[in-house]
Amino acid sequence: MNTIKIERATVGRIEEAFPTKGGKLLVKFSVADNARKDLTRWFAVEAWNELAEQVLGSVAVGDKLDLEGYVDRVEGYISKKTNKPEAKAVLVLTALVAVEKKRAA
């Protein structure tokens, strides 16, 4: 399993948080990687158990994150902008390295 590191990813939204049937906590959220000015890559992120609790307690929309994880799968979806099929990688979080809070306006 290869680890992916994303630095200064922007949290797009926190989609859902819930316990699984097995009693594990799962939090799903999205981040944008703006490493290149001409390309924004979106990742769906899943955080489990203690990392899920850490995300719920310290992460908000607009925050910048340094995170590590691995690609679990790729999911297809229809773009709301273009109405065309696109794909996004689903990253399972293995470490939340740093959180930079969004500055209040």
N, C-alpha and C. Protein backbone atom coordinates (compact mmCIF):
# COMPACT_ATOMS: atom_id res chain seq x y z
N MET A 1 0.85 -1.18 0.00
CA MET A 1 0.00 0.00 0.00
C MET A 1 0.90 1.24 0.00
N ASN A 2 0.69 2.12 -0.96
CA ASN A 2 1.48 3.33 -1.08
C ASN A 2 0.82 4.48 -0.34
N THR A 3 1.64 5.22 0.39
CA THR A 3 1.14 6.37 1.13
C THR A 3 1.21 7.61 0.25
N ILE A 4 0.14 8.39 0.32
CA ILE A 4 0.07 9.67 -0.38
C ILE A 4 0.10 10.77 0.67
N LYS A 5 0.91 11.78 0.43
CA LYS A 5 0.95 12.95 1.31
C LYS A 5 0.43 14.14 0.52
N ILE A 6 -0.50 14.86 1.13
CA ILE A 6 -1.03 16.08 0.52
C ILE A 6 -0.80 17.21 1.51
N GLU A 7 -0.11 18.25 1.06
CA GLU A 7 0.17 19.39 1.92
C GLU A 7 -0.73 20.56 1.54
N ARG A 8 -1.21 21.23 2.55
CA ARG A 8 -2.06 22.42 2.40
C ARG A 8 -3.30 22.16 1.54
N ALA A 9 -3.92 21.02 1.75
CA ALA A 9 -5.18 20.71 1.09
C ALA A 9 -6.28 21.52 1.77
N THR A 10 -7.19 22.05 0.99
CA THR A 10 -8.28 22.85 1.53
C THR A 10 -9.51 21.97 1.72
N VAL A 11 -10.10 22.03 2.92
CA VAL A 11 -11.30 21.25 3.20
C VAL A 11 -12.48 21.87 2.45
N GLY A 12 -13.11 21.06 1.60
CA GLY A 12 -14.26 21.53 0.82
C GLY A 12 -15.55 21.43 1.59
N ARG A 13 -15.78 20.25 2.15
CA ARG A 13 -16.96 20.08 3.00
C ARG A 13 -16.82 18.80 3.80
N ILE A 14 -17.50 18.79 4.92
CA ILE A 14 -17.57 17.59 5.74
C ILE A 14 -18.93 16.99 5.44
N GLU A 15 -18.92 15.85 4.78
CA GLU A 15 -20.15 15.30 4.22
C GLU A 15 -21.00 14.57 5.24
N GLU A 16 -20.38 13.68 6.01
CA GLU A 16 -21.17 12.93 6.98
C GLU A 16 -20.27 12.28 8.02
N ALA A 17 -20.86 12.02 9.16
CA ALA A 17 -20.19 11.32 10.25
C ALA A 17 -21.21 10.38 10.87
N PHE A 18 -20.82 9.11 10.99
CA PHE A 18 -21.76 8.15 11.55
C PHE A 18 -21.03 6.91 12.04
N PRO A 19 -21.65 6.19 12.98
CA PRO A 19 -21.08 4.91 13.39
C PRO A 19 -21.50 3.83 12.40
N THR A 20 -20.59 2.91 12.09
CA THR A 20 -20.92 1.80 11.21
C THR A 20 -21.67 0.73 12.00
N LYS A 21 -22.18 -0.28 11.30
CA LYS A 21 -22.88 -1.38 11.99
C LYS A 21 -21.97 -2.08 12.97
N GLY A 22 -20.66 -2.07 12.69
CA GLY A 22 -19.70 -2.71 13.58
C GLY A 22 -19.27 -1.82 14.73
N GLY A 23 -19.82 -0.61 14.82
CA GLY A 23 -19.53 0.27 15.93
C GLY A 23 -18.33 1.20 15.72
N LYS A 24 -17.77 1.22 14.51
CA LYS A 24 -16.65 2.11 14.23
C LYS A 24 -17.18 3.46 13.76
N LEU A 25 -16.47 4.54 14.10
CA LEU A 25 -16.86 5.88 13.68
C LEU A 25 -16.23 6.17 12.33
N LEU A 26 -17.03 6.68 11.39
CA LEU A 26 -16.56 7.04 10.05
C LEU A 26 -16.95 8.48 9.77
N VAL A 27 -15.98 9.27 9.32
CA VAL A 27 -16.23 10.64 8.88
C VAL A 27 -15.77 10.74 7.43
N LYS A 28 -16.66 11.27 6.58
CA LYS A 28 -16.32 11.49 5.17
C LYS A 28 -16.26 12.99 4.91
N PHE A 29 -15.17 13.41 4.24
CA PHE A 29 -15.05 14.82 3.88
C PHE A 29 -14.25 14.93 2.59
N SER A 30 -14.22 16.13 2.01
CA SER A 30 -13.50 16.32 0.76
C SER A 30 -12.44 17.39 0.93
N VAL A 31 -11.34 17.22 0.18
CA VAL A 31 -10.28 18.21 0.18
C VAL A 31 -9.87 18.50 -1.25
N ALA A 32 -9.40 19.73 -1.47
CA ALA A 32 -8.87 20.14 -2.77
C ALA A 32 -7.37 20.32 -2.64
N ASP A 33 -6.65 19.75 -3.60
CA ASP A 33 -5.21 19.90 -3.66
C ASP A 33 -4.91 20.92 -4.76
N ASN A 34 -4.35 22.05 -4.35
CA ASN A 34 -4.05 23.12 -5.30
C ASN A 34 -2.54 23.26 -5.49
N ALA A 35 -1.85 22.13 -5.60
CA ALA A 35 -0.40 22.15 -5.76
C ALA A 35 0.01 22.89 -7.04
N ARG A 36 -0.83 22.80 -8.06
CA ARG A 36 -0.58 23.53 -9.30
C ARG A 36 -1.68 24.57 -9.47
N LYS A 37 -1.30 25.76 -9.86
CA LYS A 37 -2.29 26.83 -10.00
C LYS A 37 -3.31 26.56 -11.09
N ASP A 38 -2.92 25.78 -12.11
CA ASP A 38 -3.81 25.53 -13.23
C ASP A 38 -4.63 24.25 -13.07
N LEU A 39 -4.50 23.57 -11.93
CA LEU A 39 -5.19 22.30 -11.74
C LEU A 39 -5.60 22.12 -10.28
N THR A 40 -6.88 21.89 -10.05
CA THR A 40 -7.37 21.55 -8.72
C THR A 40 -7.81 20.10 -8.75
N ARG A 41 -7.23 19.31 -7.86
CA ARG A 41 -7.62 17.90 -7.76
C ARG A 41 -8.41 17.72 -6.47
N TRP A 42 -9.58 17.09 -6.59
CA TRP A 42 -10.43 16.84 -5.43
C TRP A 42 -10.26 15.39 -4.98
N PHE A 43 -10.24 15.21 -3.68
CA PHE A 43 -10.17 13.88 -3.09
C PHE A 43 -11.31 13.73 -2.09
N ALA A 44 -11.94 12.58 -2.12
CA ALA A 44 -12.88 12.21 -1.06
C ALA A 44 -12.02 11.53 0.00
N VAL A 45 -12.21 11.90 1.26
CA VAL A 45 -11.39 11.35 2.33
C VAL A 45 -12.29 10.66 3.34
N GLU A 46 -11.85 9.50 3.80
CA GLU A 46 -12.55 8.77 4.86
C GLU A 46 -11.61 8.66 6.05
N ALA A 47 -12.11 9.06 7.20
CA ALA A 47 -11.36 8.94 8.46
C ALA A 47 -12.12 8.00 9.38
N TRP A 48 -11.39 7.10 10.01
CA TRP A 48 -12.00 6.09 10.87
C TRP A 48 -11.55 6.24 12.32
N ASN A 49 -12.45 5.91 13.23
CA ASN A 49 -12.19 5.80 14.67
C ASN A 49 -11.52 7.03 15.25
N GLU A 50 -10.30 6.89 15.80
CA GLU A 50 -9.64 8.02 16.48
C GLU A 50 -9.39 9.18 15.52
N LEU A 51 -9.00 8.86 14.28
CA LEU A 51 -8.79 9.94 13.31
C LEU A 51 -10.11 10.62 12.97
N ALA A 52 -11.19 9.88 12.94
CA ALA A 52 -12.51 10.48 12.71
C ALA A 52 -12.86 11.44 13.84
N GLU A 53 -12.58 11.05 15.07
CA GLU A 53 -12.83 11.93 16.22
C GLU A 53 -11.97 13.19 16.13
N GLN A 54 -10.72 13.02 15.71
CA GLN A 54 -9.81 14.17 15.56
C GLN A 54 -10.34 15.12 14.49
N VAL A 55 -10.81 14.59 13.37
CA VAL A 55 -11.37 15.42 12.30
C VAL A 55 -12.59 16.18 12.82
N LEU A 56 -13.50 15.48 13.48
CA LEU A 56 -14.71 16.14 14.00
C LEU A 56 -14.38 17.23 15.00
N GLY A 57 -13.33 17.02 15.79
CA GLY A 57 -12.99 17.98 16.83
C GLY A 57 -12.13 19.14 16.38
N SER A 58 -11.49 19.03 15.21
CA SER A 58 -10.54 20.08 14.86
C SER A 58 -10.57 20.58 13.42
N VAL A 59 -11.41 20.01 12.58
CA VAL A 59 -11.39 20.37 11.16
C VAL A 59 -12.72 21.01 10.76
N ALA A 60 -12.61 22.11 9.99
CA ALA A 60 -13.79 22.80 9.49
C ALA A 60 -13.58 23.15 8.02
N VAL A 61 -14.66 23.46 7.33
CA VAL A 61 -14.60 23.86 5.93
C VAL A 61 -13.68 25.07 5.80
N GLY A 62 -12.79 25.02 4.81
CA GLY A 62 -11.86 26.12 4.55
C GLY A 62 -10.52 25.97 5.22
N ASP A 63 -10.41 25.07 6.21
CA ASP A 63 -9.12 24.83 6.86
C ASP A 63 -8.13 24.22 5.87
N LYS A 64 -6.85 24.44 6.13
CA LYS A 64 -5.78 23.84 5.34
C LYS A 64 -5.22 22.66 6.13
N LEU A 65 -5.07 21.52 5.46
CA LEU A 65 -4.60 20.31 6.13
C LEU A 65 -3.35 19.77 5.46
N ASP A 66 -2.47 19.21 6.27
CA ASP A 66 -1.42 18.33 5.79
C ASP A 66 -1.86 16.95 6.22
N LEU A 67 -2.02 16.05 5.26
CA LEU A 67 -2.54 14.73 5.60
C LEU A 67 -1.84 13.63 4.84
N GLU A 68 -1.98 12.44 5.35
CA GLU A 68 -1.43 11.25 4.72
C GLU A 68 -2.51 10.19 4.65
N GLY A 69 -2.43 9.35 3.63
CA GLY A 69 -3.39 8.28 3.50
C GLY A 69 -3.04 7.40 2.32
N TYR A 70 -3.96 6.53 1.97
CA TYR A 70 -3.78 5.68 0.79
C TYR A 70 -5.07 5.67 -0.02
N VAL A 71 -4.90 5.49 -1.33
CA VAL A 71 -6.07 5.45 -2.21
C VAL A 71 -6.71 4.08 -2.06
N ASP A 72 -7.96 4.09 -1.62
CA ASP A 72 -8.71 2.85 -1.42
C ASP A 72 -9.44 2.43 -2.69
N ARG A 73 -9.97 3.44 -3.41
CA ARG A 73 -10.73 3.15 -4.62
C ARG A 73 -10.95 4.46 -5.38
N VAL A 74 -11.45 4.32 -6.59
CA VAL A 74 -11.82 5.48 -7.41
C VAL A 74 -13.32 5.38 -7.66
N GLU A 75 -14.05 6.48 -7.43
CA GLU A 75 -15.49 6.50 -7.62
C GLU A 75 -15.86 7.44 -8.75
N GLY A 76 -16.81 7.03 -9.55
CA GLY A 76 -17.31 7.87 -10.63
C GLY A 76 -18.49 8.70 -10.15
N TYR A 77 -18.67 9.84 -10.78
CA TYR A 77 -19.82 10.70 -10.47
C TYR A 77 -20.10 11.59 -11.68
N ILE A 78 -21.24 12.24 -11.69
CA ILE A 78 -21.59 13.19 -12.74
C ILE A 78 -21.32 14.59 -12.22
N SER A 79 -20.49 15.33 -12.93
CA SER A 79 -20.14 16.69 -12.54
C SER A 79 -21.36 17.59 -12.57
N LYS A 80 -21.55 18.37 -11.51
CA LYS A 80 -22.67 19.32 -11.47
C LYS A 80 -22.41 20.49 -12.43
N LYS A 81 -21.12 20.80 -12.65
CA LYS A 81 -20.76 21.90 -13.54
C LYS A 81 -20.96 21.55 -15.00
N THR A 82 -20.42 20.40 -15.41
CA THR A 82 -20.41 20.04 -16.83
C THR A 82 -21.44 18.99 -17.21
N ASN A 83 -22.04 18.36 -16.21
CA ASN A 83 -23.00 17.27 -16.43
C ASN A 83 -22.37 16.09 -17.17
N LYS A 84 -21.05 15.92 -16.99
CA LYS A 84 -20.31 14.82 -17.62
C LYS A 84 -19.71 13.92 -16.55
N PRO A 85 -19.47 12.67 -16.91
CA PRO A 85 -18.87 11.75 -15.94
C PRO A 85 -17.44 12.17 -15.58
N GLU A 86 -17.12 12.07 -14.30
CA GLU A 86 -15.78 12.34 -13.80
C GLU A 86 -15.47 11.29 -12.74
N ALA A 87 -14.25 11.32 -12.23
CA ALA A 87 -13.84 10.35 -11.22
C ALA A 87 -13.07 11.06 -10.12
N LYS A 88 -13.16 10.50 -8.91
CA LYS A 88 -12.38 11.03 -7.79
C LYS A 88 -11.80 9.87 -7.01
N ALA A 89 -10.60 10.09 -6.49
CA ALA A 89 -9.95 9.09 -5.66
C ALA A 89 -10.50 9.19 -4.24
N VAL A 90 -10.72 8.04 -3.62
CA VAL A 90 -11.14 8.00 -2.22
C VAL A 90 -9.91 7.64 -1.40
N LEU A 91 -9.51 8.58 -0.55
CA LEU A 91 -8.32 8.44 0.26
C LEU A 91 -8.71 8.05 1.68
N VAL A 92 -8.13 6.98 2.20
CA VAL A 92 -8.35 6.60 3.59
C VAL A 92 -7.25 7.27 4.41
N LEU A 93 -7.66 8.11 5.34
CA LEU A 93 -6.73 8.89 6.15
C LEU A 93 -5.96 7.99 7.11
N THR A 94 -4.63 8.13 7.10
CA THR A 94 -3.80 7.40 8.06
C THR A 94 -3.13 8.33 9.06
N ALA A 95 -3.02 9.63 8.70
CA ALA A 95 -2.44 10.61 9.62
C ALA A 95 -2.90 12.00 9.25
N LEU A 96 -3.31 12.74 10.24
CA LEU A 96 -3.63 14.16 10.08
C LEU A 96 -2.46 14.89 10.69
N VAL A 97 -1.55 15.36 9.83
CA VAL A 97 -0.27 15.89 10.28
C VAL A 97 -0.41 17.29 10.86
N ALA A 98 -1.17 18.16 10.18
CA ALA A 98 -1.31 19.54 10.64
C ALA A 98 -2.63 20.11 10.17
N VAL A 99 -3.17 21.03 10.99
CA VAL A 99 -4.40 21.74 10.65
C VAL A 99 -4.13 23.22 10.81
N GLU A 100 -4.36 23.98 9.74
CA GLU A 100 -4.25 25.43 9.79
C GLU A 100 -5.68 25.97 9.65
N LYS A 101 -6.15 26.60 10.70
CA LYS A 101 -7.54 27.07 10.71
C LYS A 101 -7.73 28.20 9.70
N LYS A 102 -8.90 28.19 9.08
CA LYS A 102 -9.28 29.27 8.16
C LYS A 102 -9.38 30.56 8.96
N ARG A 103 -8.84 31.61 8.41
CA ARG A 103 -8.90 32.89 9.10
C ARG A 103 -10.29 33.48 9.01
N ALA A 104 -10.76 34.02 10.10
CA ALA A 104 -12.09 34.66 10.12
C ALA A 104 -12.04 35.94 9.31
N ALA A 105 -13.11 36.20 8.59
CA ALA A 105 -13.16 37.40 7.72
C ALA A 105 -13.39 38.64 8.53
